[in-house]
PDB file of N, CA and C in Angstrom:
ATOM      1  N   MET A   1      -8.468 -59.771 -43.467  1.00  0.00           N
ATOM      2  CA  MET A   1      -9.219 -60.797 -42.688  1.00  0.00           C
ATOM      3  C   MET A   1      -8.441 -62.092 -42.181  1.00  0.00           C
ATOM      4  N   LEU A   2      -8.747 -62.125 -40.812  1.00  0.00           N
ATOM      5  CA  LEU A   2      -8.158 -63.309 -40.215  1.00  0.00           C
ATOM      6  C   LEU A   2      -9.066 -64.434 -40.103  1.00  0.00           C
ATOM      7  N   PRO A   3      -8.587 -65.729 -40.139  1.00  0.00           N
ATOM      8  CA  PRO A   3      -9.306 -66.785 -40.097  1.00  0.00           C
ATOM      9  C   PRO A   3     -10.145 -66.919 -38.712  1.00  0.00           C
ATOM     10  N   PRO A   4     -11.372 -67.230 -38.811  1.00  0.00           N
ATOM     11  CA  PRO A   4     -11.866 -67.369 -37.471  1.00  0.00           C
ATOM     12  C   PRO A   4     -11.291 -68.348 -36.492  1.00  0.00           C
ATOM     13  N   TRP A   5     -10.618 -69.169 -36.890  1.00  0.00           N
ATOM     14  CA  TRP A   5     -10.027 -69.875 -35.783  1.00  0.00           C
ATOM     15  C   TRP A   5      -8.838 -69.443 -34.884  1.00  0.00           C
ATOM     16  N   LEU A   6      -8.124 -68.263 -35.414  1.00  0.00           N
ATOM     17  CA  LEU A   6      -7.273 -67.604 -34.749  1.00  0.00           C
ATOM     18  C   LEU A   6      -7.986 -66.681 -33.460  1.00  0.00           C
ATOM     19  N   PRO A   7      -7.148 -66.847 -32.418  1.00  0.00           N
ATOM     20  CA  PRO A   7      -7.711 -65.895 -31.304  1.00  0.00           C
ATOM     21  C   PRO A   7      -7.573 -64.624 -31.314  1.00  0.00           C
ATOM     22  N   ALA A   8      -8.242 -63.813 -30.850  1.00  0.00           N
ATOM     23  CA  ALA A   8      -8.709 -62.240 -31.133  1.00  0.00           C
ATOM     24  C   ALA A   8      -7.328 -61.518 -30.652  1.00  0.00           C
ATOM     25  N   ALA A   9      -6.884 -60.534 -31.364  1.00  0.00           N
ATOM     26  CA  ALA A   9      -5.796 -59.865 -31.136  1.00  0.00           C
ATOM     27  C   ALA A   9      -5.383 -59.430 -29.657  1.00  0.00           C
ATOM     28  N   ARG A  10      -6.473 -59.245 -28.709  1.00  0.00           N
ATOM     29  CA  ARG A  10      -6.458 -58.700 -27.560  1.00  0.00           C
ATOM     30  C   ARG A  10      -5.998 -60.184 -26.771  1.00  0.00           C
ATOM     31  N   THR A  11      -6.541 -60.896 -27.068  1.00  0.00           N
ATOM     32  CA  THR A  11      -6.355 -62.438 -26.280  1.00  0.00           C
ATOM     33  C   THR A  11      -4.727 -62.742 -26.565  1.00  0.00           C
ATOM     34  N   VAL A  12      -4.426 -62.751 -27.676  1.00  0.00           N
ATOM     35  CA  VAL A  12      -2.811 -62.802 -28.180  1.00  0.00           C
ATOM     36  C   VAL A  12      -1.755 -62.073 -27.383  1.00  0.00           C
ATOM     37  N   GLY A  13      -2.262 -61.068 -27.197  1.00  0.00           N
ATOM     38  CA  GLY A  13      -1.494 -59.672 -26.536  1.00  0.00           C
ATOM     39  C   GLY A  13      -1.325 -60.101 -25.067  1.00  0.00           C
ATOM     40  N   ALA A  14      -2.612 -60.240 -24.606  1.00  0.00           N
ATOM     41  CA  ALA A  14      -2.364 -60.931 -23.127  1.00  0.00           C
ATOM     42  C   ALA A  14      -1.787 -62.063 -22.636  1.00  0.00           C
ATOM     43  N   LEU A  15      -1.660 -63.145 -23.533  1.00  0.00           N
ATOM     44  CA  LEU A  15      -0.748 -64.334 -23.755  1.00  0.00           C
ATOM     45  C   LEU A  15       0.680 -64.003 -23.827  1.00  0.00           C
ATOM     46  N   GLN A  16       0.879 -63.029 -24.612  1.00  0.00           N
ATOM     47  CA  GLN A  16       2.300 -62.730 -24.937  1.00  0.00           C
ATOM     48  C   GLN A  16       2.809 -62.207 -23.510  1.00  0.00           C
ATOM     49  N   ARG A  17       2.202 -61.188 -23.141  1.00  0.00           N
ATOM     50  CA  ARG A  17       2.440 -60.637 -21.961  1.00  0.00           C
ATOM     51  C   ARG A  17       2.702 -61.633 -20.645  1.00  0.00           C
ATOM     52  N   VAL A  18       1.799 -62.530 -20.445  1.00  0.00           N
ATOM     53  CA  VAL A  18       1.952 -63.641 -19.523  1.00  0.00           C
ATOM     54  C   VAL A  18       3.228 -64.565 -19.704  1.00  0.00           C
ATOM     55  N   LEU A  19       3.379 -64.850 -20.764  1.00  0.00           N
ATOM     56  CA  LEU A  19       4.406 -65.784 -21.364  1.00  0.00           C
ATOM     57  C   LEU A  19       5.586 -64.886 -21.171  1.00  0.00           C
ATOM     58  N   LEU A  20       5.898 -63.715 -21.653  1.00  0.00           N
ATOM     59  CA  LEU A  20       7.061 -63.048 -21.275  1.00  0.00           C
ATOM     60  C   LEU A  20       7.558 -62.882 -19.750  1.00  0.00           C
ATOM     61  N   VAL A  21       6.663 -62.437 -19.172  1.00  0.00           N
ATOM     62  CA  VAL A  21       6.822 -62.602 -17.454  1.00  0.00           C
ATOM     63  C   VAL A  21       7.229 -63.762 -16.941  1.00  0.00           C
ATOM     64  N   ALA A  22       6.457 -64.691 -17.332  1.00  0.00           N
ATOM     65  CA  ALA A  22       6.923 -66.212 -16.707  1.00  0.00           C
ATOM     66  C   ALA A  22       8.083 -66.601 -17.377  1.00  0.00           C
ATOM     67  N   LEU A  23       8.474 -66.203 -18.267  1.00  0.00           N
ATOM     68  CA  LEU A  23      10.018 -66.763 -18.715  1.00  0.00           C
ATOM     69  C   LEU A  23      10.881 -65.725 -18.303  1.00  0.00           C
ATOM     70  N   LEU A  24      10.823 -64.484 -18.097  1.00  0.00           N
ATOM     71  CA  LEU A  24      11.760 -63.580 -17.459  1.00  0.00           C
ATOM     72  C   LEU A  24      11.816 -63.567 -16.212  1.00  0.00           C
ATOM     73  N   SER A  25      10.663 -63.883 -15.277  1.00  0.00           N
ATOM     74  CA  SER A  25      11.018 -63.987 -13.846  1.00  0.00           C
ATOM     75  C   SER A  25      11.724 -64.651 -13.220  1.00  0.00           C
ATOM     76  N   PRO A  26      11.891 -66.183 -13.795  1.00  0.00           N
ATOM     77  CA  PRO A  26      13.256 -66.814 -12.895  1.00  0.00           C
ATOM     78  C   PRO A  26      14.486 -66.271 -13.420  1.00  0.00           C
ATOM     79  N   ALA A  27      14.897 -65.470 -14.360  1.00  0.00           N
ATOM     80  CA  ALA A  27      16.129 -64.758 -14.669  1.00  0.00           C
ATOM     81  C   ALA A  27      16.244 -63.813 -13.505  1.00  0.00           C
ATOM     82  N   VAL A  28      15.135 -62.887 -13.258  1.00  0.00           N
ATOM     83  CA  VAL A  28      15.241 -61.841 -12.322  1.00  0.00           C
ATOM     84  C   VAL A  28      15.383 -62.430 -11.008  1.00  0.00           C
ATOM     85  N   LEU A  29      14.746 -63.461 -10.646  1.00  0.00           N
ATOM     86  CA  LEU A  29      14.791 -64.313  -9.220  1.00  0.00           C
ATOM     87  C   LEU A  29      16.383 -64.737  -9.098  1.00  0.00           C
ATOM     88  N   VAL A  30      16.920 -65.351 -10.049  1.00  0.00           N
ATOM     89  CA  VAL A  30      18.273 -65.844  -9.942  1.00  0.00           C
ATOM     90  C   VAL A  30      19.397 -64.733  -9.813  1.00  0.00           C
ATOM     91  N   ALA A  31      19.160 -63.346 -10.765  1.00  0.00           N
ATOM     92  CA  ALA A  31      19.721 -62.270 -10.424  1.00  0.00           C
ATOM     93  C   ALA A  31      19.853 -61.736  -8.878  1.00  0.00           C
ATOM     94  N   LEU A  32      18.688 -61.790  -8.292  1.00  0.00           N
ATOM     95  CA  LEU A  32      18.136 -61.278  -6.772  1.00  0.00           C
ATOM     96  C   LEU A  32      18.773 -62.163  -6.009  1.00  0.00           C
ATOM     97  N   ALA A  33      18.786 -63.185  -6.151  1.00  0.00           N
ATOM     98  CA  ALA A  33      19.647 -64.295  -5.473  1.00  0.00           C
ATOM     99  C   ALA A  33      21.115 -64.399  -5.481  1.00  0.00           C
ATOM    100  N   ALA A  34      21.709 -63.958  -6.629  1.00  0.00           N
ATOM    101  CA  ALA A  34      22.974 -63.835  -6.659  1.00  0.00           C
ATOM    102  C   ALA A  34      23.449 -62.355  -5.901  1.00  0.00           C
ATOM    103  N   ALA A  35      22.260 -61.489  -5.652  1.00  0.00           N
ATOM    104  CA  ALA A  35      22.978 -60.131  -5.343  1.00  0.00           C
ATOM    105  C   ALA A  35      22.838 -60.232  -4.087  1.00  0.00           C
ATOM    106  N   VAL A  36      22.052 -61.217  -3.394  1.00  0.00           N
ATOM    107  CA  VAL A  36      21.988 -60.905  -1.794  1.00  0.00           C
ATOM    108  C   VAL A  36      23.138 -61.062  -1.007  1.00  0.00           C
ATOM    109  N   PRO A  37      24.081 -61.788  -1.465  1.00  0.00           N
ATOM    110  CA  PRO A  37      25.463 -61.782  -0.603  1.00  0.00           C
ATOM    111  C   PRO A  37      26.215 -60.236  -0.568  1.00  0.00           C
ATOM    112  N   ALA A  38      26.151 -60.096  -1.937  1.00  0.00           N
ATOM    113  CA  ALA A  38      26.483 -58.610  -1.757  1.00  0.00           C
ATOM    114  C   ALA A  38      25.863 -57.460  -1.075  1.00  0.00           C
ATOM    115  N   LEU A  39      24.606 -57.625  -1.310  1.00  0.00           N
ATOM    116  CA  LEU A  39      23.730 -56.572  -0.439  1.00  0.00           C
ATOM    117  C   LEU A  39      24.024 -56.847   1.303  1.00  0.00           C
ATOM    118  N   VAL A  40      24.442 -58.057   1.356  1.00  0.00           N
ATOM    119  CA  VAL A  40      24.688 -58.441   3.056  1.00  0.00           C
ATOM    120  C   VAL A  40      26.156 -57.873   3.350  1.00  0.00           C
ATOM    121  N   PHE A  41      27.346 -57.597   2.435  1.00  0.00           N
ATOM    122  CA  PHE A  41      28.400 -57.400   2.808  1.00  0.00           C
ATOM    123  C   PHE A  41      28.832 -55.814   2.512  1.00  0.00           C
ATOM    124  N   LEU A  42      28.012 -55.243   1.464  1.00  0.00           N
ATOM    125  CA  LEU A  42      28.614 -54.050   0.906  1.00  0.00           C
ATOM    126  C   LEU A  42      28.518 -53.022   1.773  1.00  0.00           C
ATOM    127  N   PRO A  43      27.473 -53.097   2.520  1.00  0.00           N
ATOM    128  CA  PRO A  43      27.373 -51.834   3.430  1.00  0.00           C
ATOM    129  C   PRO A  43      28.238 -51.640   4.538  1.00  0.00           C
ATOM    130  N   PHE A  44      29.111 -52.615   4.838  1.00  0.00           N
ATOM    131  CA  PHE A  44      30.266 -52.655   5.643  1.00  0.00           C
ATOM    132  C   PHE A  44      31.448 -52.171   5.048  1.00  0.00           C
ATOM    133  N   LEU A  45      31.512 -52.215   3.633  1.00  0.00           N
ATOM    134  CA  LEU A  45      32.730 -51.443   2.989  1.00  0.00           C
ATOM    135  C   LEU A  45      32.808 -50.093   2.831  1.00  0.00           C
ATOM    136  N   PRO A  46      34.003 -49.495   2.380  1.00  0.00           N
ATOM    137  CA  PRO A  46      33.961 -47.992   2.241  1.00  0.00           C
ATOM    138  C   PRO A  46      33.291 -48.076   0.658  1.00  0.00           C
ATOM    139  N   GLY A  47      32.284 -47.158   1.183  1.00  0.00           N
ATOM    140  CA  GLY A  47      31.571 -46.617  -0.300  1.00  0.00           C
ATOM    141  C   GLY A  47      30.427 -47.748  -0.547  1.00  0.00           C
ATOM    142  N   GLY A  48      30.379 -48.830  -0.011  1.00  0.00           N
ATOM    143  CA  GLY A  48      29.559 -49.967  -0.282  1.00  0.00           C
ATOM    144  C   GLY A  48      28.036 -49.488  -0.152  1.00  0.00           C
ATOM    145  N   THR A  49      27.603 -48.428   0.564  1.00  0.00           N
ATOM    146  CA  THR A  49      26.482 -48.040   0.680  1.00  0.00           C
ATOM    147  C   THR A  49      25.774 -47.899  -0.408  1.00  0.00           C
ATOM    148  N   ASP A  50      26.451 -46.792  -1.131  1.00  0.00           N
ATOM    149  CA  ASP A  50      26.134 -46.343  -2.594  1.00  0.00           C
ATOM    150  C   ASP A  50      26.044 -47.291  -3.571  1.00  0.00           C
ATOM    151  N   ARG A  51      27.016 -48.237  -3.493  1.00  0.00           N
ATOM    152  CA  ARG A  51      26.978 -49.351  -4.553  1.00  0.00           C
ATOM    153  C   ARG A  51      25.818 -50.243  -4.293  1.00  0.00           C
ATOM    154  N   ALA A  52      25.225 -50.514  -3.014  1.00  0.00           N
ATOM    155  CA  ALA A  52      24.435 -51.301  -2.537  1.00  0.00           C
ATOM    156  C   ALA A  52      22.937 -50.671  -3.244  1.00  0.00           C
ATOM    157  N   ILE A  53      22.851 -49.252  -3.042  1.00  0.00           N
ATOM    158  CA  ILE A  53      21.705 -48.510  -3.720  1.00  0.00           C
ATOM    159  C   ILE A  53      21.765 -48.682  -5.228  1.00  0.00           C
ATOM    160  N   LYS A  54      22.867 -48.629  -5.668  1.00  0.00           N
ATOM    161  CA  LYS A  54      22.941 -48.629  -7.192  1.00  0.00           C
ATOM    162  C   LYS A  54      22.398 -49.729  -7.625  1.00  0.00           C
ATOM    163  N   LEU A  55      22.730 -51.029  -7.141  1.00  0.00           N
ATOM    164  CA  LEU A  55      22.483 -52.265  -7.240  1.00  0.00           C
ATOM    165  C   LEU A  55      20.870 -52.533  -7.218  1.00  0.00           C
ATOM    166  N   LEU A  56      20.419 -52.191  -5.950  1.00  0.00           N
ATOM    167  CA  LEU A  56      18.857 -52.036  -5.779  1.00  0.00           C
ATOM    168  C   LEU A  56      18.436 -51.404  -6.831  1.00  0.00           C
ATOM    169  N   SER A  57      18.557 -50.297  -7.217  1.00  0.00           N
ATOM    170  CA  SER A  57      17.925 -49.465  -8.070  1.00  0.00           C
ATOM    171  C   SER A  57      18.090 -50.200  -9.436  1.00  0.00           C
ATOM    172  N   ALA A  58      19.085 -50.725  -9.890  1.00  0.00           N
ATOM    173  CA  ALA A  58      19.168 -51.630 -11.232  1.00  0.00           C
ATOM    174  C   ALA A  58      18.068 -52.576 -11.151  1.00  0.00           C
ATOM    175  N   HIS A  59      17.976 -53.467 -10.014  1.00  0.00           N
ATOM    176  CA  HIS A  59      17.035 -54.485  -9.940  1.00  0.00           C
ATOM    177  C   HIS A  59      15.660 -53.948 -10.265  1.00  0.00           C
ATOM    178  N   THR A  60      15.622 -52.787  -9.269  1.00  0.00           N
ATOM    179  CA  THR A  60      13.868 -51.979  -9.567  1.00  0.00           C
ATOM    180  C   THR A  60      13.892 -51.778 -10.750  1.00  0.00           C
ATOM    181  N   TRP A  61      14.731 -51.107 -11.540  1.00  0.00           N
ATOM    182  CA  TRP A  61      14.443 -50.660 -12.940  1.00  0.00           C
ATOM    183  C   TRP A  61      14.176 -51.976 -13.969  1.00  0.00           C
ATOM    184  N   TYR A  62      15.175 -52.728 -13.621  1.00  0.00           N
ATOM    185  CA  TYR A  62      14.768 -54.385 -14.554  1.00  0.00           C
ATOM    186  C   TYR A  62      13.279 -54.743 -14.297  1.00  0.00           C
ATOM    187  N   LEU A  63      12.760 -54.824 -12.958  1.00  0.00           N
ATOM    188  CA  LEU A  63      11.591 -55.592 -12.796  1.00  0.00           C
ATOM    189  C   LEU A  63      10.625 -54.657 -13.442  1.00  0.00           C
ATOM    190  N   SER A  64      10.634 -53.148 -13.031  1.00  0.00           N
ATOM    191  CA  SER A  64       9.680 -52.181 -13.627  1.00  0.00           C
ATOM    192  C   SER A  64       9.483 -52.049 -15.084  1.00  0.00           C
ATOM    193  N   THR A  65      10.750 -52.214 -15.936  1.00  0.00           N
ATOM    194  CA  THR A  65      10.881 -52.542 -17.249  1.00  0.00           C
ATOM    195  C   THR A  65       9.957 -53.792 -17.766  1.00  0.00           C
ATOM    196  N   LEU A  66      10.324 -55.004 -17.128  1.00  0.00           N
ATOM    197  CA  LEU A  66       9.682 -56.158 -17.174  1.00  0.00           C
ATOM    198  C   LEU A  66       8.246 -55.899 -17.271  1.00  0.00           C
ATOM    199  N   LEU A  67       7.655 -55.434 -16.240  1.00  0.00           N
ATOM    200  CA  LEU A  67       6.190 -55.455 -15.828  1.00  0.00           C
ATOM    201  C   LEU A  67       5.388 -54.535 -16.560  1.00  0.00           C
ATOM    202  N   THR A  68       6.071 -53.081 -17.161  1.00  0.00           N
ATOM    203  CA  THR A  68       5.304 -52.174 -17.493  1.00  0.00           C
ATOM    204  C   THR A  68       5.539 -52.085 -19.170  1.00  0.00           C
ATOM    205  N   ASN A  69       6.546 -52.324 -19.498  1.00  0.00           N
ATOM    206  CA  ASN A  69       6.910 -52.352 -21.029  1.00  0.00           C
ATOM    207  C   ASN A  69       7.095 -53.420 -21.996  1.00  0.00           C
ATOM    208  N   SER A  70       6.258 -54.663 -21.062  1.00  0.00           N
ATOM    209  CA  SER A  70       5.929 -55.932 -21.964  1.00  0.00           C
ATOM    210  C   SER A  70       4.750 -55.420 -23.113  1.00  0.00           C
ATOM    211  N   ARG A  71       4.349 -56.244 -23.944  1.00  0.00           N
ATOM    212  CA  ARG A  71       3.555 -55.936 -25.120  1.00  0.00           C
ATOM    213  C   ARG A  71       2.076 -55.723 -24.431  1.00  0.00           C
ATOM    214  N   ARG A  72       1.654 -54.503 -24.549  1.00  0.00           N
ATOM    215  CA  ARG A  72       0.200 -54.150 -24.035  1.00  0.00           C
ATOM    216  C   ARG A  72      -0.934 -54.824 -25.208  1.00  0.00           C
ATOM    217  N   ASP A  73      -2.083 -54.580 -24.299  1.00  0.00           N
ATOM    218  CA  ASP A  73      -3.045 -55.113 -25.217  1.00  0.00           C
ATOM    219  C   ASP A  73      -3.217 -54.244 -26.509  1.00  0.00           C
ATOM    220  N   PRO A  74      -3.614 -54.936 -27.568  1.00  0.00           N
ATOM    221  CA  PRO A  74      -3.941 -53.882 -28.665  1.00  0.00           C
ATOM    222  C   PRO A  74      -5.172 -53.031 -28.637  1.00  0.00           C
TER     223      PRO A  74
END
């Protein structure tokens, strides 16, 4: 039995998800900002289009993982 002053498990789960996204979003934005020069110049290099697609796919995967696999509400 939990003490009555503790918030409900659903509230804690929602707060954890918001906190996780709030803390990791700046890291994702910095990584995307660092990738912008590469995305500008890679298409002009031999094989650069494939590398740019892989880079964008990695960022898309990271963002989807951040948003969908963070702690769900109980």
